[in-house]
Amino acid sequence: MVKEGAFTIKVGDGEIDKRLDIVVSDRIPNISRSRAAALVKAGAVKVGETAKKPSYKLKAGDIVRGIVPPPEPVKIVAEPTSFGVLFEDEHLIVVDKPPGLVVHPAPGHARGTLVHGLLYRCPDLKGIGGEIRPGIVHRLDKDTSGILLIAKHPASHENLSSQFKDRKIKKEYLALVAGQVRSSEGRIDLPIGRHPKDRKKMSVHSYSPRKAVTLWRVREQYPCACLLQLDLKTGRTHQIRVHCAALHHPILGDTVYGKAKTNILKDGEGNPLAIPRQMLHAWRIEFEHPESKRRVSFRSEMPQDMKRIVDILRCS
C-alpha cells in the first residue's frame, strides 16, 4: 500500500469481476475512484503489462501494477490563521485545532487552511513531508476539533510518522453520541474500508476492509445522549464516526454517518437544540518526544460549542 510511487495488487477472491478503478481506489490509500480511473486512462495502471479501461472486470490471477505520481507542486502563500498552540519547541508543535478549520488545501479550500497558518508561523516547515502537508503527520476532519501533531524538521517528521505507523502514539477523543449506551465500556473491532456504493464514505461493510479497533467508555450519560471517551488503536479514515454509527449511536451532528433526527435535540424547556457540527474532539495525545525520547502527553479543553451542548444536556 502506497500513497505515491509504484504498487502491485494481487487480485483477491472478493475482487473478481470488480472494476479495475474500484479495486485500485479500495486498495490504495487516499485515491478516489475518479483519480484511479484517470490513472488507468493515462496508462499509469495496467493489468500485467497490458493497459485496460477503468471498467475492466478483474479476473482470478490478475496482477495490477501501477504508479501513483506525486501531487503536482502547489504554491501556498503563508497567511495568518487562527488556531491554538499547546506546546512548541525546535522539534515539533502541538496544535489545538478549532472546529471548522480545514487542515490542508483541497478543492474549494485554496486559502485559510491550517497549513497556511503553519507556514505563516513557521516558514521553515515548507518542504517537510510535502508542500501540501508541511510537517503534518496525521489529520483531523474539518469539523473535528482538537490536537494535531506537527513536525518541524525532517528527522522529527520521520520519527513521529514511524510512531504512528507502529501504533506507539496514544490518541483519545471525546464524542457526544445519540441515545443511551447500555454498557459502561466496550471494544469495537470492526474492519473499515471504502463504502461499497458511496465512494466518499467509509463503511464496516466494505469489500476491502482493513482492521480497525476502538475502545470506548462512558464519561456521562444523559436522557437522550451520551458523552464517550474513545481510544483509537488503529487510525482508519472516519474510524470513530463509522464505529459509533455501527453501534447505532452515531455522533451528534454527523450528517454523513448519522440520521437527521439524531441531529436535533431538545433543551430542558423542550425547545429544539440544533447541533452545529459533529460533536467529536481530539482531547488527548501521548507520544515519545523525538529528541528527548521521554513520553509526553497533552490535553485540549473541550471547545465552547461542544461544552455548550454538554451543559444543556446536563440540565435536561
Protein backbone atom coordinates (compact mmCIF):
# COMPACT_ATOMS: atom_id res chain seq x y z
CA MET A 1 0.00 0.00 0.00
CA VAL A 2 1.42 3.37 -1.01
CA LYS A 3 0.23 6.94 -1.22
CA GLU A 4 2.57 7.65 -4.11
CA GLY A 5 5.07 5.55 -6.03
CA ALA A 6 4.91 2.05 -7.51
CA PHE A 7 2.40 -0.53 -6.30
CA THR A 8 1.37 -4.11 -7.07
CA ILE A 9 -2.04 -5.62 -6.32
CA LYS A 10 -2.74 -9.35 -6.48
CA VAL A 11 -6.46 -9.69 -7.09
CA GLY A 12 -8.22 -11.43 -4.21
CA ASP A 13 -11.26 -13.68 -4.33
CA GLY A 14 -13.55 -10.85 -3.25
CA GLU A 15 -12.29 -8.64 -6.07
CA ILE A 16 -13.00 -10.95 -9.01
CA ASP A 17 -15.41 -9.34 -11.51
CA LYS A 18 -14.98 -5.94 -9.86
CA ARG A 19 -13.99 -2.89 -11.91
CA LEU A 20 -10.32 -2.09 -12.13
CA ASP A 21 -10.76 1.52 -11.00
CA ILE A 22 -12.81 0.43 -7.96
CA VAL A 23 -10.18 -2.06 -6.77
CA VAL A 24 -7.37 0.48 -7.18
CA SER A 25 -9.41 3.02 -5.22
CA ASP A 26 -10.14 0.47 -2.49
CA ARG A 27 -6.59 -0.78 -2.13
CA ILE A 28 -4.53 2.40 -2.44
CA PRO A 29 -4.97 4.92 0.43
CA ASN A 30 -6.29 8.39 -0.43
CA ILE A 31 -7.01 7.51 -4.07
CA SER A 32 -10.55 8.35 -5.13
CA ARG A 33 -12.31 6.34 -7.80
CA SER A 34 -12.14 9.28 -10.21
CA ARG A 35 -8.38 9.60 -9.73
CA ALA A 36 -7.94 5.84 -10.08
CA ALA A 37 -9.86 5.97 -13.36
CA ALA A 38 -7.69 8.85 -14.57
CA LEU A 39 -4.52 6.89 -13.75
CA VAL A 40 -5.85 3.88 -15.67
CA LYS A 41 -6.74 6.02 -18.69
CA ALA A 42 -3.28 7.62 -18.62
CA GLY A 43 -1.62 4.19 -18.72
CA ALA A 44 -0.16 4.54 -15.22
CA VAL A 45 -2.08 1.45 -14.08
CA LYS A 46 -2.03 -1.83 -16.02
CA VAL A 47 -3.17 -5.41 -15.60
CA GLY A 48 0.01 -7.39 -16.07
CA GLU A 49 1.72 -5.48 -18.85
CA THR A 50 -1.50 -4.55 -20.65
CA ALA A 51 -3.32 -1.24 -20.48
CA LYS A 52 -7.03 -1.64 -19.73
CA LYS A 53 -10.09 0.54 -19.41
CA PRO A 54 -11.26 1.65 -15.93
CA SER A 55 -14.35 -0.57 -16.42
CA TYR A 56 -12.27 -3.71 -16.99
CA LYS A 57 -13.60 -6.57 -14.83
CA LEU A 58 -10.78 -8.24 -12.96
CA LYS A 59 -10.21 -11.99 -13.20
CA ALA A 60 -8.70 -14.57 -10.88
CA GLY A 61 -4.92 -14.41 -11.03
CA ASP A 62 -4.77 -10.86 -12.39
CA ILE A 63 -1.85 -8.75 -11.16
CA VAL A 64 -2.40 -4.99 -11.18
CA ARG A 65 0.69 -2.81 -11.36
CA GLY A 66 0.86 0.93 -11.37
CA ILE A 67 2.48 4.14 -10.31
CA VAL A 68 0.82 6.89 -8.29
CA PRO A 69 2.65 10.09 -9.23
CA PRO A 70 3.36 12.66 -6.52
CA PRO A 71 1.00 15.64 -6.44
CA GLU A 72 1.90 18.49 -8.70
CA PRO A 73 3.61 21.34 -6.84
CA VAL A 74 1.17 23.75 -5.29
CA LYS A 75 2.24 27.26 -4.43
CA ILE A 76 0.94 28.03 -0.96
CA VAL A 77 1.19 31.58 0.26
CA ALA A 78 1.58 31.80 4.03
CA GLU A 79 -1.17 33.75 5.76
CA PRO A 80 -2.29 34.20 9.37
CA THR A 81 -4.84 31.63 10.51
CA SER A 82 -6.39 31.30 13.93
CA PHE A 83 -5.51 28.16 15.91
CA GLY A 84 -4.22 27.36 19.39
CA VAL A 85 -0.78 26.03 20.31
CA LEU A 86 -0.47 23.71 23.33
CA PHE A 87 3.29 23.21 23.06
CA GLU A 88 6.16 24.18 20.77
CA ASP A 89 9.90 23.62 20.70
CA GLU A 90 12.50 23.34 17.94
CA HIS A 91 11.30 19.83 17.06
CA LEU A 92 7.51 19.93 16.98
CA ILE A 93 4.30 21.87 17.53
CA VAL A 94 1.20 20.54 19.28
CA VAL A 95 -1.72 22.41 17.69
CA ASP A 96 -5.20 22.86 19.16
CA LYS A 97 -7.38 22.97 16.02
CA PRO A 98 -10.72 24.77 16.27
CA PRO A 99 -13.79 23.22 14.62
CA GLY A 100 -14.41 24.33 11.05
CA LEU A 101 -10.73 24.80 10.17
CA VAL A 102 -9.60 22.77 7.15
CA VAL A 103 -6.19 21.16 7.72
CA HIS A 104 -4.67 21.35 4.24
CA PRO A 105 -5.56 22.89 0.87
CA ALA A 106 -8.09 21.00 -1.23
CA PRO A 107 -10.63 21.83 -3.94
CA GLY A 108 -12.82 24.59 -2.52
CA HIS A 109 -10.30 25.40 0.21
CA ALA A 110 -7.41 27.10 -1.54
CA ARG A 111 -6.82 29.57 1.30
CA GLY A 112 -7.31 29.93 5.04
CA THR A 113 -6.29 26.38 6.00
CA LEU A 114 -4.18 25.25 8.95
CA VAL A 115 -1.27 24.73 6.54
CA HIS A 116 -1.39 28.39 5.51
CA GLY A 117 -1.26 29.39 9.16
CA LEU A 118 1.55 26.97 10.00
CA LEU A 119 3.71 28.35 7.19
CA TYR A 120 2.99 31.88 8.41
CA ARG A 121 4.08 30.92 11.94
CA CYS A 122 6.98 28.66 10.92
CA PRO A 123 8.25 29.41 7.39
CA ASP A 124 10.89 26.66 7.64
CA LEU A 125 8.17 23.97 7.58
CA LYS A 126 7.91 24.23 3.80
CA GLY A 127 9.13 21.03 2.17
CA ILE A 128 8.87 18.85 5.30
CA GLY A 129 6.59 15.99 4.28
CA GLY A 130 5.49 17.77 1.08
CA GLU A 131 4.27 21.30 0.38
CA ILE A 132 0.58 20.46 0.72
CA ARG A 133 1.05 18.92 4.18
CA PRO A 134 4.20 20.53 5.62
CA GLY A 135 5.13 18.84 8.88
CA ILE A 136 1.72 17.20 9.29
CA VAL A 137 1.91 13.56 10.39
CA HIS A 138 -1.83 12.92 10.88
CA ARG A 139 -5.06 14.81 10.25
CA LEU A 140 -8.47 15.74 11.58
CA ASP A 141 -11.68 16.31 9.65
CA LYS A 142 -12.72 19.91 9.13
CA ASP A 143 -15.48 19.71 11.76
CA THR A 144 -13.47 17.70 14.30
CA SER A 145 -11.69 19.84 16.86
CA GLY A 146 -8.63 19.16 18.99
CA ILE A 147 -5.00 18.09 18.95
CA LEU A 148 -2.78 17.81 15.90
CA LEU A 149 0.92 16.97 15.97
CA ILE A 150 3.24 18.89 13.61
CA ALA A 151 6.91 18.08 12.96
CA LYS A 152 9.32 20.99 12.50
CA HIS A 153 12.17 19.24 10.69
CA PRO A 154 12.62 16.07 8.57
CA ALA A 155 14.11 13.90 11.33
CA SER A 156 11.22 14.74 13.66
CA HIS A 157 8.73 14.08 10.85
CA GLU A 158 10.23 10.65 10.18
CA ASN A 159 10.27 9.77 13.89
CA LEU A 160 6.66 10.80 14.56
CA SER A 161 5.42 9.18 11.36
CA SER A 162 7.07 5.92 12.44
CA GLN A 163 5.45 6.16 15.86
CA PHE A 164 2.04 6.49 14.22
CA LYS A 165 2.77 3.58 11.89
CA ASP A 166 3.92 1.40 14.80
CA ARG A 167 0.89 2.48 16.89
CA LYS A 168 3.07 3.93 19.65
CA ILE A 169 1.10 7.17 19.77
CA LYS A 170 -1.96 7.16 22.02
CA LYS A 171 -4.89 9.27 20.81
CA GLU A 172 -8.06 9.78 22.83
CA TYR A 173 -11.24 11.54 21.75
CA LEU A 174 -14.43 12.82 23.32
CA ALA A 175 -17.67 12.29 21.40
CA LEU A 176 -21.29 13.14 22.05
CA VAL A 177 -23.38 10.31 20.64
CA ALA A 178 -27.11 9.80 20.22
CA GLY A 179 -29.09 7.65 22.66
CA GLN A 180 -28.24 5.98 25.95
CA VAL A 181 -25.41 3.47 25.81
CA ARG A 182 -26.26 0.38 27.84
CA SER A 183 -22.76 -0.75 28.83
CA SER A 184 -20.22 1.37 30.69
CA GLU A 185 -17.36 0.47 28.34
CA GLY A 186 -16.57 -1.68 25.36
CA ARG A 187 -14.42 -2.54 22.37
CA ILE A 188 -15.36 -2.08 18.72
CA ASP A 189 -13.43 -4.44 16.46
CA LEU A 190 -14.96 -3.91 13.01
CA PRO A 191 -12.79 -3.64 9.88
CA ILE A 192 -13.32 -0.47 7.83
CA GLY A 193 -12.94 0.23 4.13
CA ARG A 194 -14.44 2.23 1.31
CA HIS A 195 -18.26 2.13 1.23
CA PRO A 196 -19.41 -0.37 -1.45
CA LYS A 197 -21.76 2.16 -3.07
CA ASP A 198 -20.81 5.65 -1.90
CA ARG A 199 -17.14 6.24 -2.68
CA LYS A 200 -16.98 9.34 -0.45
CA LYS A 201 -17.87 7.33 2.65
CA MET A 202 -16.23 4.59 4.69
CA SER A 203 -18.07 1.53 5.96
CA VAL A 204 -17.85 -1.65 8.04
CA HIS A 205 -19.41 -3.42 5.03
CA SER A 206 -16.59 -2.69 2.59
CA TYR A 207 -15.36 -5.21 0.03
CA SER A 208 -11.76 -4.43 1.02
CA PRO A 209 -11.78 -3.57 4.74
CA ARG A 210 -8.77 -3.02 6.98
CA LYS A 211 -8.55 -3.84 10.68
CA ALA A 212 -9.99 -1.09 12.90
CA VAL A 213 -10.24 -1.16 16.69
CA THR A 214 -11.74 1.47 19.01
CA LEU A 215 -12.02 1.24 22.80
CA TRP A 216 -14.69 3.35 24.49
CA ARG A 217 -16.09 4.13 27.91
CA VAL A 218 -18.98 6.27 29.11
CA ARG A 219 -17.98 9.58 30.70
CA GLU A 220 -21.50 10.96 31.22
CA GLN A 221 -24.98 9.66 30.44
CA TYR A 222 -27.92 11.95 29.58
CA PRO A 223 -31.60 11.19 28.89
CA CYS A 224 -31.14 11.19 25.11
CA ALA A 225 -27.38 11.26 24.54
CA CYS A 226 -24.05 10.15 25.96
CA LEU A 227 -20.53 11.54 26.29
CA LEU A 228 -17.98 8.88 25.34
CA GLN A 229 -14.21 8.76 25.76
CA LEU A 230 -12.63 6.82 22.89
CA ASP A 231 -9.17 5.35 22.49
CA LEU A 232 -8.08 4.65 18.90
CA LYS A 233 -5.98 1.53 18.49
CA THR A 234 -5.86 1.99 14.72
CA GLY A 235 -6.14 5.11 12.55
CA ARG A 236 -8.60 4.46 9.74
CA THR A 237 -10.35 7.29 7.91
CA HIS A 238 -13.53 8.36 9.78
CA GLN A 239 -12.94 5.46 12.20
CA ILE A 240 -14.76 6.85 15.24
CA ARG A 241 -17.66 8.17 13.17
CA VAL A 242 -18.12 4.85 11.37
CA HIS A 243 -17.74 2.74 14.52
CA CYS A 244 -20.19 4.81 16.55
CA ALA A 245 -22.73 4.62 13.73
CA ALA A 246 -22.24 0.85 13.55
CA LEU A 247 -23.15 0.67 17.26
CA HIS A 248 -26.37 2.58 16.44
CA HIS A 249 -25.09 5.53 18.47
CA PRO A 250 -23.96 7.98 15.76
CA ILE A 251 -22.09 11.11 16.74
CA LEU A 252 -24.43 14.05 17.22
CA GLY A 253 -24.21 16.46 14.32
CA ASP A 254 -22.69 13.92 11.93
CA THR A 255 -24.71 14.43 8.75
CA VAL A 256 -22.77 11.75 6.84
CA TYR A 257 -22.99 8.73 9.15
CA GLY A 258 -25.84 9.83 11.41
CA LYS A 259 -29.53 10.41 10.85
CA ALA A 260 -31.26 13.77 10.60
CA LYS A 261 -33.46 13.12 13.63
CA THR A 262 -30.40 12.48 15.84
CA ASN A 263 -29.01 15.91 15.00
CA ILE A 264 -31.82 17.83 16.69
CA LEU A 265 -32.23 17.54 20.45
CA LYS A 266 -34.34 19.48 22.93
CA ASP A 267 -33.17 21.56 25.84
CA GLY A 268 -34.57 21.47 29.35
CA GLU A 269 -37.56 23.58 28.29
CA GLY A 270 -38.40 21.44 25.28
CA ASN A 271 -37.00 23.83 22.69
CA PRO A 272 -35.22 22.37 19.64
CA LEU A 273 -31.46 22.29 20.08
CA ALA A 274 -29.66 22.23 16.75
CA ILE A 275 -26.21 20.62 16.67
CA PRO A 276 -23.82 22.83 14.66
CA ARG A 277 -21.29 20.14 13.65
CA GLN A 278 -20.16 16.63 14.51
CA MET A 279 -19.51 16.61 18.25
CA LEU A 280 -16.07 14.99 18.10
CA HIS A 281 -12.98 16.35 19.85
CA ALA A 282 -9.40 15.02 19.89
CA TRP A 283 -8.75 15.78 23.54
CA ARG A 284 -5.54 13.92 24.47
CA ILE A 285 -2.35 12.67 22.81
CA GLU A 286 0.64 10.79 24.25
CA PHE A 287 3.87 10.01 22.40
CA GLU A 288 7.64 9.76 22.68
CA HIS A 289 9.37 13.07 22.11
CA PRO A 290 11.58 12.58 19.02
CA GLU A 291 14.60 14.23 20.66
CA SER A 292 14.44 13.53 24.42
CA LYS A 293 12.77 10.08 23.96
CA ARG A 294 10.61 10.80 27.01
CA ARG A 295 6.89 10.01 26.93
CA VAL A 296 4.91 13.26 26.89
CA SER A 297 1.19 13.95 26.84
CA PHE A 298 -1.04 16.95 26.08
CA ARG A 299 -4.72 17.71 26.54
CA SER A 300 -7.09 20.09 24.80
CA GLU A 301 -10.06 21.65 26.57
CA MET A 302 -13.46 20.89 25.11
CA PRO A 303 -14.35 23.73 22.68
CA GLN A 304 -17.14 26.14 23.56
CA ASP A 305 -19.70 24.86 21.04
CA MET A 306 -19.40 21.31 22.37
CA LYS A 307 -19.26 22.43 26.01
CA ARG A 308 -22.48 24.40 25.49
CA ILE A 309 -24.29 21.28 24.27
CA VAL A 310 -22.93 19.26 27.22
CA ASP A 311 -24.11 21.90 29.70
CA ILE A 312 -27.60 21.88 28.21
CA LEU A 313 -27.75 18.06 28.23
CA ARG A 314 -26.70 18.01 31.88
CA CYS A 315 -29.68 20.17 32.76
CA SER A 316 -32.18 18.28 30.62
